[in-house]
């Protein structure tokens, strides 16, 4: 009986973990990020490639407005005006990163979840373009969030 309970518990946890991951077309298989950055605009790609804290999927805000979520194995993009912009997310605390968006270029911002006191905390890292472009290939496209 104990063995059956352990197996059922394992399957339940595994199902919960898988269901918390991004779904949708893989970036490597879709044209989602292959489009050119509109002339005079910058592209920001926000992605999360970790499963740690799978149940924690905070909203991502761009200059204070929600534009997407930090979903495990997911990514989304924004086309923005050049200049300084803030990305933020909140769980038990708010964390943010300031991005200097450059016209006709792409910035890759990795969102991850680190340990917190009660809940995981979002953390941010601006990635070099070659690393960011490589890391997003196996992720799912979760939609293009556009600032309102």
C-alpha atoms as a PDB file:
ATOM      1  CA  UNK A   1       0.000   0.000   0.000  1.00  0.00           C
ATOM      2  CA  UNK A   2       2.816   2.382   0.890  1.00  0.00           C
ATOM      3  CA  UNK A   3       4.507   1.670  -2.462  1.00  0.00           C
ATOM      4  CA  UNK A   4       1.329   2.498  -4.404  1.00  0.00           C
ATOM      5  CA  UNK A   5       0.906   5.744  -2.437  1.00  0.00           C
ATOM      6  CA  UNK A   6       4.522   6.753  -3.232  1.00  0.00           C
ATOM      7  CA  UNK A   7       4.028   6.061  -6.947  1.00  0.00           C
ATOM      8  CA  UNK A   8       0.745   7.989  -7.035  1.00  0.00           C
ATOM      9  CA  UNK A   9       2.371  10.925  -5.232  1.00  0.00           C
ATOM     10  CA  UNK A  10       5.284  10.942  -7.689  1.00  0.00           C
ATOM     11  CA  UNK A  11       2.940  10.899 -10.700  1.00  0.00           C
ATOM     12  CA  UNK A  12       0.864  13.729  -9.205  1.00  0.00           C
ATOM     13  CA  UNK A  13       3.912  15.925  -8.598  1.00  0.00           C
ATOM     14  CA  UNK A  14       5.259  15.190 -12.075  1.00  0.00           C
ATOM     15  CA  UNK A  15       1.915  16.053 -13.673  1.00  0.00           C
ATOM     16  CA  UNK A  16       1.745  19.323 -11.738  1.00  0.00           C
ATOM     17  CA  UNK A  17       5.286  20.251 -12.786  1.00  0.00           C
ATOM     18  CA  UNK A  18       4.648  19.529 -16.458  1.00  0.00           C
ATOM     19  CA  UNK A  19       1.353  21.401 -16.493  1.00  0.00           C
ATOM     20  CA  UNK A  20       3.068  24.515 -15.144  1.00  0.00           C
ATOM     21  CA  UNK A  21       5.389  24.814 -18.134  1.00  0.00           C
ATOM     22  CA  UNK A  22       4.810  26.915 -21.203  1.00  0.00           C
ATOM     23  CA  UNK A  23       2.947  25.405 -24.115  1.00  0.00           C
ATOM     24  CA  UNK A  24       2.877  26.583 -27.680  1.00  0.00           C
ATOM     25  CA  UNK A  25       5.152  26.344 -30.674  1.00  0.00           C
ATOM     26  CA  UNK A  26       8.860  25.965 -30.020  1.00  0.00           C
ATOM     27  CA  UNK A  27      10.729  29.110 -30.924  1.00  0.00           C
ATOM     28  CA  UNK A  28      13.101  27.136 -33.143  1.00  0.00           C
ATOM     29  CA  UNK A  29      10.082  25.844 -35.122  1.00  0.00           C
ATOM     30  CA  UNK A  30       8.077  29.052 -35.335  1.00  0.00           C
ATOM     31  CA  UNK A  31       8.699  32.335 -37.038  1.00  0.00           C
ATOM     32  CA  UNK A  32       7.849  34.207 -33.859  1.00  0.00           C
ATOM     33  CA  UNK A  33      11.254  35.808 -33.343  1.00  0.00           C
ATOM     34  CA  UNK A  34      12.538  35.515 -36.909  1.00  0.00           C
ATOM     35  CA  UNK A  35      10.747  38.645 -37.992  1.00  0.00           C
ATOM     36  CA  UNK A  36      12.824  41.768 -38.366  1.00  0.00           C
ATOM     37  CA  UNK A  37      12.698  44.404 -35.701  1.00  0.00           C
ATOM     38  CA  UNK A  38      10.541  47.236 -37.076  1.00  0.00           C
ATOM     39  CA  UNK A  39      12.666  50.142 -38.235  1.00  0.00           C
ATOM     40  CA  UNK A  40      13.333  52.556 -35.399  1.00  0.00           C
ATOM     41  CA  UNK A  41      12.123  50.083 -32.733  1.00  0.00           C
ATOM     42  CA  UNK A  42      13.996  47.750 -30.379  1.00  0.00           C
ATOM     43  CA  UNK A  43      13.018  44.195 -29.441  1.00  0.00           C
ATOM     44  CA  UNK A  44      13.154  42.841 -25.914  1.00  0.00           C
ATOM     45  CA  UNK A  45      12.841  39.076 -25.496  1.00  0.00           C
ATOM     46  CA  UNK A  46      11.923  37.939 -21.983  1.00  0.00           C
ATOM     47  CA  UNK A  47      12.454  34.251 -21.254  1.00  0.00           C
ATOM     48  CA  UNK A  48      12.683  31.665 -18.503  1.00  0.00           C
ATOM     49  CA  UNK A  49      14.543  28.431 -19.126  1.00  0.00           C
ATOM     50  CA  UNK A  50      14.415  26.941 -15.624  1.00  0.00           C
ATOM     51  CA  UNK A  51      11.891  24.682 -13.920  1.00  0.00           C
ATOM     52  CA  UNK A  52      12.818  25.632 -10.347  1.00  0.00           C
ATOM     53  CA  UNK A  53       9.736  27.171  -8.756  1.00  0.00           C
ATOM     54  CA  UNK A  54       7.456  25.916 -11.532  1.00  0.00           C
ATOM     55  CA  UNK A  55       4.317  26.990  -9.659  1.00  0.00           C
ATOM     56  CA  UNK A  56       5.600  30.566  -9.397  1.00  0.00           C
ATOM     57  CA  UNK A  57       4.808  32.427 -12.618  1.00  0.00           C
ATOM     58  CA  UNK A  58       4.773  36.133 -11.826  1.00  0.00           C
ATOM     59  CA  UNK A  59       3.379  38.755 -14.157  1.00  0.00           C
ATOM     60  CA  UNK A  60       6.042  40.713 -16.028  1.00  0.00           C
ATOM     61  CA  UNK A  61       5.530  44.465 -16.155  1.00  0.00           C
ATOM     62  CA  UNK A  62       7.035  46.812 -18.727  1.00  0.00           C
ATOM     63  CA  UNK A  63       7.248  50.367 -17.387  1.00  0.00           C
ATOM     64  CA  UNK A  64       4.497  49.458 -14.895  1.00  0.00           C
ATOM     65  CA  UNK A  65       2.080  47.714 -17.302  1.00  0.00           C
ATOM     66  CA  UNK A  66       1.612  43.944 -17.428  1.00  0.00           C
ATOM     67  CA  UNK A  67       2.830  42.465 -20.728  1.00  0.00           C
ATOM     68  CA  UNK A  68       3.320  38.745 -20.014  1.00  0.00           C
ATOM     69  CA  UNK A  69       4.295  36.144 -17.442  1.00  0.00           C
ATOM     70  CA  UNK A  70       7.584  34.582 -16.360  1.00  0.00           C
ATOM     71  CA  UNK A  71       6.594  31.018 -17.346  1.00  0.00           C
ATOM     72  CA  UNK A  72       9.012  28.063 -17.145  1.00  0.00           C
ATOM     73  CA  UNK A  73      10.354  27.107 -20.587  1.00  0.00           C
ATOM     74  CA  UNK A  74       8.616  30.083 -22.175  1.00  0.00           C
ATOM     75  CA  UNK A  75       9.489  33.332 -23.926  1.00  0.00           C
ATOM     76  CA  UNK A  76       7.736  36.388 -25.290  1.00  0.00           C
ATOM     77  CA  UNK A  77       8.861  39.497 -27.110  1.00  0.00           C
ATOM     78  CA  UNK A  78       8.152  43.207 -27.069  1.00  0.00           C
ATOM     79  CA  UNK A  79       8.813  45.857 -29.717  1.00  0.00           C
ATOM     80  CA  UNK A  80       9.562  49.107 -27.939  1.00  0.00           C
ATOM     81  CA  UNK A  81      10.832  52.601 -28.561  1.00  0.00           C
ATOM     82  CA  UNK A  82      14.567  53.052 -28.011  1.00  0.00           C
ATOM     83  CA  UNK A  83      15.594  54.300 -24.586  1.00  0.00           C
ATOM     84  CA  UNK A  84      15.624  53.259 -20.967  1.00  0.00           C
ATOM     85  CA  UNK A  85      12.834  50.905 -19.853  1.00  0.00           C
ATOM     86  CA  UNK A  86      12.071  48.903 -16.715  1.00  0.00           C
ATOM     87  CA  UNK A  87      10.967  45.269 -16.506  1.00  0.00           C
ATOM     88  CA  UNK A  88       9.634  44.135 -13.131  1.00  0.00           C
ATOM     89  CA  UNK A  89       7.886  41.214 -11.457  1.00  0.00           C
ATOM     90  CA  UNK A  90       6.442  40.713  -8.000  1.00  0.00           C
ATOM     91  CA  UNK A  91       6.012  37.726  -5.698  1.00  0.00           C
ATOM     92  CA  UNK A  92       6.841  38.410  -2.039  1.00  0.00           C
ATOM     93  CA  UNK A  93       8.976  41.308  -3.241  1.00  0.00           C
ATOM     94  CA  UNK A  94       9.303  43.333  -6.435  1.00  0.00           C
ATOM     95  CA  UNK A  95      12.464  42.999  -8.478  1.00  0.00           C
ATOM     96  CA  UNK A  96      13.325  44.914 -11.601  1.00  0.00           C
ATOM     97  CA  UNK A  97      15.934  45.473 -14.265  1.00  0.00           C
ATOM     98  CA  UNK A  98      16.547  48.557 -16.368  1.00  0.00           C
ATOM     99  CA  UNK A  99      17.137  47.928 -20.073  1.00  0.00           C
ATOM    100  CA  UNK A 100      18.669  50.433 -22.480  1.00  0.00           C
ATOM    101  CA  UNK A 101      16.832  49.465 -25.662  1.00  0.00           C
ATOM    102  CA  UNK A 102      18.732  50.314 -28.845  1.00  0.00           C
ATOM    103  CA  UNK A 103      16.954  50.865 -32.165  1.00  0.00           C
ATOM    104  CA  UNK A 104      17.018  47.892 -34.553  1.00  0.00           C
ATOM    105  CA  UNK A 105      18.596  45.584 -31.940  1.00  0.00           C
ATOM    106  CA  UNK A 106      17.367  42.783 -29.672  1.00  0.00           C
ATOM    107  CA  UNK A 107      17.953  42.581 -25.917  1.00  0.00           C
ATOM    108  CA  UNK A 108      17.606  39.183 -24.207  1.00  0.00           C
ATOM    109  CA  UNK A 109      16.410  39.261 -20.593  1.00  0.00           C
ATOM    110  CA  UNK A 110      16.363  36.048 -18.576  1.00  0.00           C
ATOM    111  CA  UNK A 111      13.832  35.785 -15.763  1.00  0.00           C
ATOM    112  CA  UNK A 112      14.464  33.157 -13.130  1.00  0.00           C
ATOM    113  CA  UNK A 113      13.101  32.294  -9.716  1.00  0.00           C
ATOM    114  CA  UNK A 114      15.457  32.302  -6.752  1.00  0.00           C
ATOM    115  CA  UNK A 115      14.772  31.304  -3.171  1.00  0.00           C
ATOM    116  CA  UNK A 116      12.789  33.676  -0.998  1.00  0.00           C
ATOM    117  CA  UNK A 117      11.587  33.688   2.588  1.00  0.00           C
ATOM    118  CA  UNK A 118       8.069  32.393   1.841  1.00  0.00           C
ATOM    119  CA  UNK A 119       7.887  32.220  -1.945  1.00  0.00           C
ATOM    120  CA  UNK A 120      10.462  32.269  -4.700  1.00  0.00           C
ATOM    121  CA  UNK A 121      11.627  35.678  -5.897  1.00  0.00           C
ATOM    122  CA  UNK A 122      11.957  36.704  -9.527  1.00  0.00           C
ATOM    123  CA  UNK A 123      15.436  37.675 -10.627  1.00  0.00           C
ATOM    124  CA  UNK A 124      16.649  39.218 -13.884  1.00  0.00           C
ATOM    125  CA  UNK A 125      19.739  38.997 -16.032  1.00  0.00           C
ATOM    126  CA  UNK A 126      20.554  40.824 -19.254  1.00  0.00           C
ATOM    127  CA  UNK A 127      22.149  38.183 -21.468  1.00  0.00           C
ATOM    128  CA  UNK A 128      24.697  38.623 -24.251  1.00  0.00           C
ATOM    129  CA  UNK A 129      22.857  38.352 -27.607  1.00  0.00           C
ATOM    130  CA  UNK A 130      24.640  35.163 -28.717  1.00  0.00           C
ATOM    131  CA  UNK A 131      23.798  33.361 -25.455  1.00  0.00           C
ATOM    132  CA  UNK A 132      20.211  34.635 -25.273  1.00  0.00           C
ATOM    133  CA  UNK A 133      19.533  33.688 -28.912  1.00  0.00           C
ATOM    134  CA  UNK A 134      20.851  30.187 -28.251  1.00  0.00           C
ATOM    135  CA  UNK A 135      18.993  29.663 -24.958  1.00  0.00           C
ATOM    136  CA  UNK A 136      15.544  30.552 -26.337  1.00  0.00           C
ATOM    137  CA  UNK A 137      15.592  27.990 -29.176  1.00  0.00           C
ATOM    138  CA  UNK A 138      14.142  25.115 -27.101  1.00  0.00           C
ATOM    139  CA  UNK A 139      11.550  27.289 -25.342  1.00  0.00           C
ATOM    140  CA  UNK A 140       7.874  27.768 -26.205  1.00  0.00           C
ATOM    141  CA  UNK A 141       6.555  31.028 -27.590  1.00  0.00           C
ATOM    142  CA  UNK A 142       4.030  32.377 -25.081  1.00  0.00           C
ATOM    143  CA  UNK A 143       2.911  35.353 -27.163  1.00  0.00           C
ATOM    144  CA  UNK A 144       4.074  38.815 -27.986  1.00  0.00           C
ATOM    145  CA  UNK A 145       3.154  41.147 -25.197  1.00  0.00           C
ATOM    146  CA  UNK A 146       2.953  44.701 -26.425  1.00  0.00           C
ATOM    147  CA  UNK A 147       3.040  47.704 -24.129  1.00  0.00           C
ATOM    148  CA  UNK A 148      -0.289  49.504 -24.183  1.00  0.00           C
END
